[in-house]
Every structure is written in structure tokens, then in C-alpha cells.
Amino acid sequence: ATGEVRYADVIERILYNVVATAIEDDGRAFF
């Protein structure tokens, strides 16, 4: 909506530190 790139920084932070953390390496367990 705004084009403000800082929101992409937010997405990156969550992806690498919450989303990537959540799933076990085989995909069959999760936080």
C-alpha cells in the first residue's frame, strides 16, 4: 500500500527468526 521498504525488513526478520524456527527439519514437528 505504501511502498515503504522498511516493512520488507520486518518480514525478513520474522521469516528468518520465527517462521524458520517453527518447523522441524523433517516438517513433522513444530513450535
PDB file of all heavy atoms in Angstrom:
ATOM      1  N   ALA A   1       0.810  -1.217   0.000  1.00  0.00           N
ATOM      2  CA  ALA A   1       0.000   0.000   0.000  1.00  0.00           C
ATOM      3  C   ALA A   1       0.840   1.262   0.000  1.00  0.00           C
ATOM      4  O   ALA A   1       0.517   2.240  -0.686  1.00  0.00           O
ATOM      5  CB  ALA A   1      -0.937  -0.003   1.208  1.00  0.00           C
ATOM      6  N   THR A   2       1.940   1.258   0.765  1.00  0.00           N
ATOM      7  CA  THR A   2       2.716   2.487   0.972  1.00  0.00           C
ATOM      8  C   THR A   2       4.025   2.517   0.191  1.00  0.00           C
ATOM      9  O   THR A   2       4.585   3.593  -0.027  1.00  0.00           O
ATOM     10  CB  THR A   2       3.055   2.655   2.460  1.00  0.00           C
ATOM     11  OG1 THR A   2       3.967   1.612   2.866  1.00  0.00           O
ATOM     12  CG2 THR A   2       1.793   2.598   3.314  1.00  0.00           C
ATOM     13  N   GLY A   3       4.545   1.355  -0.160  1.00  0.00           N
ATOM     14  CA  GLY A   3       5.856   1.298  -0.804  1.00  0.00           C
ATOM     15  C   GLY A   3       7.012   1.485   0.156  1.00  0.00           C
ATOM     16  O   GLY A   3       8.167   1.539  -0.284  1.00  0.00           O
ATOM     17  N   GLU A   4       6.751   1.555   1.461  1.00  0.00           N
ATOM     18  CA  GLU A   4       7.822   1.783   2.436  1.00  0.00           C
ATOM     19  C   GLU A   4       8.598   0.487   2.651  1.00  0.00           C
ATOM     20  O   GLU A   4       8.094  -0.483   3.222  1.00  0.00           O
ATOM     21  CB  GLU A   4       7.239   2.304   3.744  1.00  0.00           C
ATOM     22  CG  GLU A   4       6.617   3.690   3.612  1.00  0.00           C
ATOM     23  CD  GLU A   4       6.308   4.324   4.944  1.00  0.00           C
ATOM     24  OE1 GLU A   4       6.988   3.984   5.947  1.00  0.00           O
ATOM     25  OE2 GLU A   4       5.386   5.157   5.003  1.00  0.00           O
ATOM     26  N   VAL A   5       9.863   0.512   2.228  1.00  0.00           N
ATOM     27  CA  VAL A   5      10.673  -0.706   2.182  1.00  0.00           C
ATOM     28  C   VAL A   5      10.960  -1.253   3.575  1.00  0.00           C
ATOM     29  O   VAL A   5      11.233  -2.449   3.734  1.00  0.00           O
ATOM     30  CB  VAL A   5      11.988  -0.421   1.422  1.00  0.00           C
ATOM     31  CG1 VAL A   5      12.827  -1.681   1.307  1.00  0.00           C
ATOM     32  CG2 VAL A   5      11.680   0.124   0.035  1.00  0.00           C
ATOM     33  N   ARG A   6      10.863  -0.434   4.602  1.00  0.00           N
ATOM     34  CA  ARG A   6      11.157  -0.903   5.952  1.00  0.00           C
ATOM     35  C   ARG A   6      10.251  -2.065   6.344  1.00  0.00           C
ATOM     36  O   ARG A   6      10.621  -2.892   7.176  1.00  0.00           O
ATOM     37  CB  ARG A   6      11.025   0.233   6.963  1.00  0.00           C
ATOM     38  CG  ARG A   6       9.650   0.880   7.023  1.00  0.00           C
ATOM     39  CD  ARG A   6       9.676   2.182   7.823  1.00  0.00           C
ATOM     40  NE  ARG A   6       8.403   2.875   7.802  1.00  0.00           N
ATOM     41  CZ  ARG A   6       7.439   2.674   8.697  1.00  0.00           C
ATOM     42  NH1 ARG A   6       7.624   1.801   9.677  1.00  0.00           N
ATOM     43  NH2 ARG A   6       6.309   3.350   8.625  1.00  0.00           N
ATOM     44  N   TYR A   7       9.073  -2.154   5.756  1.00  0.00           N
ATOM     45  CA  TYR A   7       8.206  -3.285   6.069  1.00  0.00           C
ATOM     46  C   TYR A   7       8.771  -4.590   5.520  1.00  0.00           C
ATOM     47  O   TYR A   7       8.484  -5.666   6.055  1.00  0.00           O
ATOM     48  CB  TYR A   7       6.796  -3.038   5.544  1.00  0.00           C
ATOM     49  CG  TYR A   7       6.071  -1.924   6.277  1.00  0.00           C
ATOM     50  CD1 TYR A   7       5.609  -0.792   5.595  1.00  0.00           C
ATOM     51  CD2 TYR A   7       5.873  -1.992   7.652  1.00  0.00           C
ATOM     52  CE1 TYR A   7       4.948   0.235   6.266  1.00  0.00           C
ATOM     53  CE2 TYR A   7       5.217  -0.978   8.330  1.00  0.00           C
ATOM     54  CZ  TYR A   7       4.755   0.133   7.635  1.00  0.00           C
ATOM     55  OH  TYR A   7       4.111   1.141   8.313  1.00  0.00           O
ATOM     56  N   ALA A   8       9.569  -4.518   4.470  1.00  0.00           N
ATOM     57  CA  ALA A   8      10.250  -5.722   3.982  1.00  0.00           C
ATOM     58  C   ALA A   8      11.311  -6.175   4.977  1.00  0.00           C
ATOM     59  O   ALA A   8      11.569  -7.381   5.121  1.00  0.00           O
ATOM     60  CB  ALA A   8      10.875  -5.467   2.614  1.00  0.00           C
ATOM     61  N   ASP A   9      11.951  -5.226   5.671  1.00  0.00           N
ATOM     62  CA  ASP A   9      12.880  -5.583   6.748  1.00  0.00           C
ATOM     63  C   ASP A   9      12.154  -6.355   7.843  1.00  0.00           C
ATOM     64  O   ASP A   9      12.685  -7.332   8.403  1.00  0.00           O
ATOM     65  CB  ASP A   9      13.506  -4.324   7.356  1.00  0.00           C
ATOM     66  CG  ASP A   9      14.587  -3.707   6.485  1.00  0.00           C
ATOM     67  OD1 ASP A   9      14.780  -4.162   5.342  1.00  0.00           O
ATOM     68  OD2 ASP A   9      15.236  -2.754   6.955  1.00  0.00           O
ATOM     69  N   VAL A  10      10.956  -5.917   8.188  1.00  0.00           N
ATOM     70  CA  VAL A  10      10.158  -6.596   9.212  1.00  0.00           C
ATOM     71  C   VAL A  10       9.854  -8.025   8.776  1.00  0.00           C
ATOM     72  O   VAL A  10       9.998  -8.975   9.550  1.00  0.00           O
ATOM     73  CB  VAL A  10       8.851  -5.826   9.483  1.00  0.00           C
ATOM     74  CG1 VAL A  10       7.946  -6.597  10.438  1.00  0.00           C
ATOM     75  CG2 VAL A  10       9.148  -4.436  10.027  1.00  0.00           C
ATOM     76  N   ILE A  11       9.430  -8.176   7.529  1.00  0.00           N
ATOM     77  CA  ILE A  11       9.118  -9.506   7.002  1.00  0.00           C
ATOM     78  C   ILE A  11      10.347 -10.402   7.072  1.00  0.00           C
ATOM     79  O   ILE A  11      10.269 -11.560   7.501  1.00  0.00           O
ATOM     80  CB  ILE A  11       8.591  -9.391   5.562  1.00  0.00           C
ATOM     81  CG1 ILE A  11       7.223  -8.710   5.558  1.00  0.00           C
ATOM     82  CG2 ILE A  11       8.513 -10.760   4.896  1.00  0.00           C
ATOM     83  CD1 ILE A  11       6.708  -8.344   4.176  1.00  0.00           C
ATOM     84  N   GLU A  12      11.487  -9.879   6.655  1.00  0.00           N
ATOM     85  CA  GLU A  12      12.716 -10.666   6.673  1.00  0.00           C
ATOM     86  C   GLU A  12      13.049 -11.131   8.086  1.00  0.00           C
ATOM     87  O   GLU A  12      13.391 -12.307   8.315  1.00  0.00           O
ATOM     88  CB  GLU A  12      13.875  -9.835   6.121  1.00  0.00           C
ATOM     89  CG  GLU A  12      15.214 -10.547   6.158  1.00  0.00           C
ATOM     90  CD  GLU A  12      16.335  -9.700   5.606  1.00  0.00           C
ATOM     91  OE1 GLU A  12      16.685  -8.682   6.244  1.00  0.00           O
ATOM     92  OE2 GLU A  12      16.850 -10.047   4.532  1.00  0.00           O
ATOM     93  N   ARG A  13      12.948 -10.245   9.054  1.00  0.00           N
ATOM     94  CA  ARG A  13      13.267 -10.589  10.450  1.00  0.00           C
ATOM     95  C   ARG A  13      12.371 -11.728  10.939  1.00  0.00           C
ATOM     96  O   ARG A  13      12.833 -12.682  11.576  1.00  0.00           O
ATOM     97  CB  ARG A  13      13.114  -9.350  11.337  1.00  0.00           C
ATOM     98  CG  ARG A  13      13.431  -9.586  12.808  1.00  0.00           C
ATOM     99  CD  ARG A  13      13.442  -8.290  13.589  1.00  0.00           C
ATOM    100  NE  ARG A  13      14.536  -7.427  13.173  1.00  0.00           N
ATOM    101  CZ  ARG A  13      15.784  -7.513  13.634  1.00  0.00           C
ATOM    102  NH1 ARG A  13      16.089  -8.444  14.524  1.00  0.00           N
ATOM    103  NH2 ARG A  13      16.711  -6.684  13.213  1.00  0.00           N
ATOM    104  N   ILE A  14      11.083 -11.640  10.663  1.00  0.00           N
ATOM    105  CA  ILE A  14      10.150 -12.670  11.117  1.00  0.00           C
ATOM    106  C   ILE A  14      10.401 -13.985  10.397  1.00  0.00           C
ATOM    107  O   ILE A  14      10.375 -15.065  11.008  1.00  0.00           O
ATOM    108  CB  ILE A  14       8.700 -12.199  10.900  1.00  0.00           C
ATOM    109  CG1 ILE A  14       8.413 -10.955  11.745  1.00  0.00           C
ATOM    110  CG2 ILE A  14       7.716 -13.303  11.254  1.00  0.00           C
ATOM    111  CD1 ILE A  14       7.099 -10.269  11.390  1.00  0.00           C
ATOM    112  N   LEU A  15      10.655 -13.917   9.102  1.00  0.00           N
ATOM    113  CA  LEU A  15      10.874 -15.148   8.336  1.00  0.00           C
ATOM    114  C   LEU A  15      12.067 -15.936   8.872  1.00  0.00           C
ATOM    115  O   LEU A  15      11.978 -17.153   9.089  1.00  0.00           O
ATOM    116  CB  LEU A  15      11.088 -14.817   6.859  1.00  0.00           C
ATOM    117  CG  LEU A  15       9.860 -14.379   6.065  1.00  0.00           C
ATOM    118  CD1 LEU A  15      10.261 -14.001   4.640  1.00  0.00           C
ATOM    119  CD2 LEU A  15       8.799 -15.472   6.036  1.00  0.00           C
ATOM    120  N   TYR A  16      13.187 -15.265   9.100  1.00  0.00           N
ATOM    121  CA  TYR A  16      14.394 -15.981   9.495  1.00  0.00           C
ATOM    122  C   TYR A  16      14.413 -16.384  10.959  1.00  0.00           C
ATOM    123  O   TYR A  16      15.147 -17.322  11.331  1.00  0.00           O
ATOM    124  CB  TYR A  16      15.639 -15.146   9.175  1.00  0.00           C
ATOM    125  CG  TYR A  16      16.019 -15.189   7.713  1.00  0.00           C
ATOM    126  CD1 TYR A  16      15.786 -14.103   6.879  1.00  0.00           C
ATOM    127  CD2 TYR A  16      16.580 -16.332   7.161  1.00  0.00           C
ATOM    128  CE1 TYR A  16      16.120 -14.146   5.531  1.00  0.00           C
ATOM    129  CE2 TYR A  16      16.919 -16.388   5.816  1.00  0.00           C
ATOM    130  CZ  TYR A  16      16.684 -15.299   5.006  1.00  0.00           C
ATOM    131  OH  TYR A  16      17.005 -15.362   3.667  1.00  0.00           O
ATOM    132  N   ASN A  17      13.624 -15.717  11.797  1.00  0.00           N
ATOM    133  CA  ASN A  17      13.752 -15.942  13.232  1.00  0.00           C
ATOM    134  C   ASN A  17      12.500 -16.473  13.919  1.00  0.00           C
ATOM    135  O   ASN A  17      12.582 -16.902  15.068  1.00  0.00           O
ATOM    136  CB  ASN A  17      14.204 -14.645  13.906  1.00  0.00           C
ATOM    137  CG  ASN A  17      15.526 -14.161  13.361  1.00  0.00           C
ATOM    138  OD1 ASN A  17      16.540 -14.848  13.472  1.00  0.00           O
ATOM    139  ND2 ASN A  17      15.523 -13.001  12.714  1.00  0.00           N
ATOM    140  N   VAL A  18      11.367 -16.465  13.242  1.00  0.00           N
ATOM    141  CA  VAL A  18      10.154 -17.095  13.778  1.00  0.00           C
ATOM    142  C   VAL A  18       9.730 -18.231  12.849  1.00  0.00           C
ATOM    143  O   VAL A  18       9.680 -19.395  13.254  1.00  0.00           O
ATOM    144  CB  VAL A  18       9.005 -16.079  13.958  1.00  0.00           C
ATOM    145  CG1 VAL A  18       7.754 -16.790  14.449  1.00  0.00           C
ATOM    146  CG2 VAL A  18       9.399 -14.983  14.943  1.00  0.00           C
ATOM    147  N   VAL A  19       9.460 -17.907  11.598  1.00  0.00           N
ATOM    148  CA  VAL A  19       8.950 -18.915  10.656  1.00  0.00           C
ATOM    149  C   VAL A  19       9.972 -20.038  10.460  1.00  0.00           C
ATOM    150  O   VAL A  19       9.625 -21.227  10.522  1.00  0.00           O
ATOM    151  CB  VAL A  19       8.579 -18.262   9.314  1.00  0.00           C
ATOM    152  CG1 VAL A  19       8.187 -19.316   8.286  1.00  0.00           C
ATOM    153  CG2 VAL A  19       7.437 -17.264   9.518  1.00  0.00           C
ATOM    154  N   ALA A  20      11.234 -19.697  10.240  1.00  0.00           N
ATOM    155  CA  ALA A  20      12.254 -20.727  10.022  1.00  0.00           C
ATOM    156  C   ALA A  20      12.524 -21.534  11.280  1.00  0.00           C
ATOM    157  O   ALA A  20      12.984 -22.678  11.204  1.00  0.00           O
ATOM    158  CB  ALA A  20      13.553 -20.083   9.529  1.00  0.00           C
ATOM    159  N   THR A  21      12.252 -20.968  12.434  1.00  0.00           N
ATOM    160  CA  THR A  21      12.463 -21.664  13.698  1.00  0.00           C
ATOM    161  C   THR A  21      11.360 -22.662  13.981  1.00  0.00           C
ATOM    162  O   THR A  21      11.569 -23.670  14.662  1.00  0.00           O
ATOM    163  CB  THR A  21      12.532 -20.630  14.849  1.00  0.00           C
ATOM    164  OG1 THR A  21      13.460 -19.603  14.516  1.00  0.00           O
ATOM    165  CG2 THR A  21      12.958 -21.275  16.159  1.00  0.00           C
ATOM    166  N   ALA A  22      10.176 -22.402  13.450  1.00  0.00           N
ATOM    167  CA  ALA A  22       8.990 -23.131  13.882  1.00  0.00           C
ATOM    168  C   ALA A  22       9.015 -24.610  13.518  1.00  0.00           C
ATOM    169  O   ALA A  22       8.608 -25.460  14.314  1.00  0.00           O
ATOM    170  CB  ALA A  22       7.743 -22.473  13.289  1.00  0.00           C
ATOM    171  N   ILE A  23       9.468 -24.941  12.319  1.00  0.00           N
ATOM    172  CA  ILE A  23       9.266 -26.284  11.777  1.00  0.00           C
ATOM    173  C   ILE A  23      10.511 -27.149  11.949  1.00  0.00           C
ATOM    174  O   ILE A  23      11.635 -26.707  11.683  1.00  0.00           O
ATOM    175  CB  ILE A  23       8.889 -26.210  10.284  1.00  0.00           C
ATOM    176  CG1 ILE A  23       7.685 -25.280  10.076  1.00  0.00           C
ATOM    177  CG2 ILE A  23       8.585 -27.596   9.735  1.00  0.00           C
ATOM    178  CD1 ILE A  23       6.419 -25.735  10.738  1.00  0.00           C
ATOM    179  N   GLU A  24      10.299 -28.390  12.374  1.00  0.00           N
ATOM    180  CA  GLU A  24      11.385 -29.359  12.481  1.00  0.00           C
ATOM    181  C   GLU A  24      11.961 -29.649  11.089  1.00  0.00           C
ATOM    182  O   GLU A  24      11.317 -29.421  10.066  1.00  0.00           O
ATOM    183  CB  GLU A  24      10.857 -30.643  13.128  1.00  0.00           C
ATOM    184  CG  GLU A  24      11.902 -31.689  13.462  1.00  0.00           C
ATOM    185  CD  GLU A  24      13.036 -31.148  14.307  1.00  0.00           C
ATOM    186  OE1 GLU A  24      12.898 -31.107  15.540  1.00  0.00           O
ATOM    187  OE2 GLU A  24      14.068 -30.743  13.710  1.00  0.00           O
ATOM    188  N   ASP A  25      13.181 -30.172  11.048  1.00  0.00           N
ATOM    189  CA  ASP A  25      13.866 -30.365   9.772  1.00  0.00           C
ATOM    190  C   ASP A  25      13.128 -31.311   8.829  1.00  0.00           C
ATOM    191  O   ASP A  25      13.284 -31.210   7.607  1.00  0.00           O
ATOM    192  CB  ASP A  25      15.284 -30.880  10.013  1.00  0.00           C
ATOM    193  CG  ASP A  25      16.203 -29.815  10.586  1.00  0.00           C
ATOM    194  OD1 ASP A  25      15.863 -28.619  10.481  1.00  0.00           O
ATOM    195  OD2 ASP A  25      17.261 -30.176  11.140  1.00  0.00           O
ATOM    196  N   ASP A  26      12.349 -32.227   9.380  1.00  0.00           N
ATOM    197  CA  ASP A  26      11.589 -33.132   8.512  1.00  0.00           C
ATOM    198  C   ASP A  26      10.160 -32.660   8.294  1.00  0.00           C
ATOM    199  O   ASP A  26       9.379 -33.327   7.609  1.00  0.00           O
ATOM    200  CB  ASP A  26      11.589 -34.557   9.078  1.00  0.00           C
ATOM    201  CG  ASP A  26      10.868 -34.666  10.419  1.00  0.00           C
ATOM    202  OD1 ASP A  26      10.377 -33.644  10.939  1.00  0.00           O
ATOM    203  OD2 ASP A  26      10.799 -35.796  10.954  1.00  0.00           O
ATOM    204  N   GLY A  27       9.800 -31.509   8.865  1.00  0.00           N
ATOM    205  CA  GLY A  27       8.473 -30.949   8.675  1.00  0.00           C
ATOM    206  C   GLY A  27       7.393 -31.603   9.507  1.00  0.00           C
ATOM    207  O   GLY A  27       6.206 -31.285   9.344  1.00  0.00           O
ATOM    208  N   ARG A  28       7.748 -32.486  10.433  1.00  0.00           N
ATOM    209  CA  ARG A  28       6.757 -33.288  11.139  1.00  0.00           C
ATOM    210  C   ARG A  28       6.680 -32.976  12.629  1.00  0.00           C
ATOM    211  O   ARG A  28       6.163 -33.783  13.416  1.00  0.00           O
ATOM    212  CB  ARG A  28       7.038 -34.772  10.908  1.00  0.00           C
ATOM    213  CG  ARG A  28       6.935 -35.147   9.436  1.00  0.00           C
ATOM    214  CD  ARG A  28       7.271 -36.604   9.158  1.00  0.00           C
ATOM    215  NE  ARG A  28       7.195 -36.867   7.718  1.00  0.00           N
ATOM    216  CZ  ARG A  28       6.085 -37.219   7.082  1.00  0.00           C
ATOM    217  NH1 ARG A  28       4.955 -37.352   7.765  1.00  0.00           N
ATOM    218  NH2 ARG A  28       6.099 -37.431   5.779  1.00  0.00           N
ATOM    219  N   ALA A  29       7.170 -31.844  13.023  1.00  0.00           N
ATOM    220  CA  ALA A  29       7.007 -31.331  14.385  1.00  0.00           C
ATOM    221  C   ALA A  29       7.197 -29.826  14.305  1.00  0.00           C
ATOM    222  O   ALA A  29       7.819 -29.309  13.373  1.00  0.00           O
ATOM    223  CB  ALA A  29       8.015 -31.965  15.345  1.00  0.00           C
ATOM    224  N   PHE A  30       6.651 -29.115  15.295  1.00  0.00           N
ATOM    225  CA  PHE A  30       6.686 -27.663  15.194  1.00  0.00           C
ATOM    226  C   PHE A  30       6.515 -27.015  16.560  1.00  0.00           C
ATOM    227  O   PHE A  30       5.955 -27.600  17.486  1.00  0.00           O
ATOM    228  CB  PHE A  30       5.600 -27.161  14.229  1.00  0.00           C
ATOM    229  CG  PHE A  30       4.185 -27.553  14.606  1.00  0.00           C
ATOM    230  CD1 PHE A  30       3.340 -26.646  15.228  1.00  0.00           C
ATOM    231  CD2 PHE A  30       3.703 -28.815  14.332  1.00  0.00           C
ATOM    232  CE1 PHE A  30       2.047 -27.002  15.583  1.00  0.00           C
ATOM    233  CE2 PHE A  30       2.407 -29.187  14.677  1.00  0.00           C
ATOM    234  CZ  PHE A  30       1.568 -28.270  15.304  1.00  0.00           C
ATOM    235  N   PHE A  31       7.040 -25.816  16.653  1.00  0.00           N
ATOM    236  CA  PHE A  31       6.823 -24.976  17.830  1.00  0.00           C
ATOM    237  C   PHE A  31       5.485 -24.266  17.708  1.00  0.00           C
ATOM    238  O   PHE A  31       5.138 -23.749  16.638  1.00  0.00           O
ATOM    239  CB  PHE A  31       7.904 -23.896  17.943  1.00  0.00           C
ATOM    240  CG  PHE A  31       9.198 -24.343  18.559  1.00  0.00           C
ATOM    241  CD1 PHE A  31      10.406 -23.947  18.003  1.00  0.00           C
ATOM    242  CD2 PHE A  31       9.223 -25.117  19.701  1.00  0.00           C
ATOM    243  CE1 PHE A  31      11.613 -24.322  18.566  1.00  0.00           C
ATOM    244  CE2 PHE A  31      10.424 -25.506  20.282  1.00  0.00           C
ATOM    245  CZ  PHE A  31      11.614 -25.108  19.711  1.00  0.00           C
TER     246      PHE A  31
END
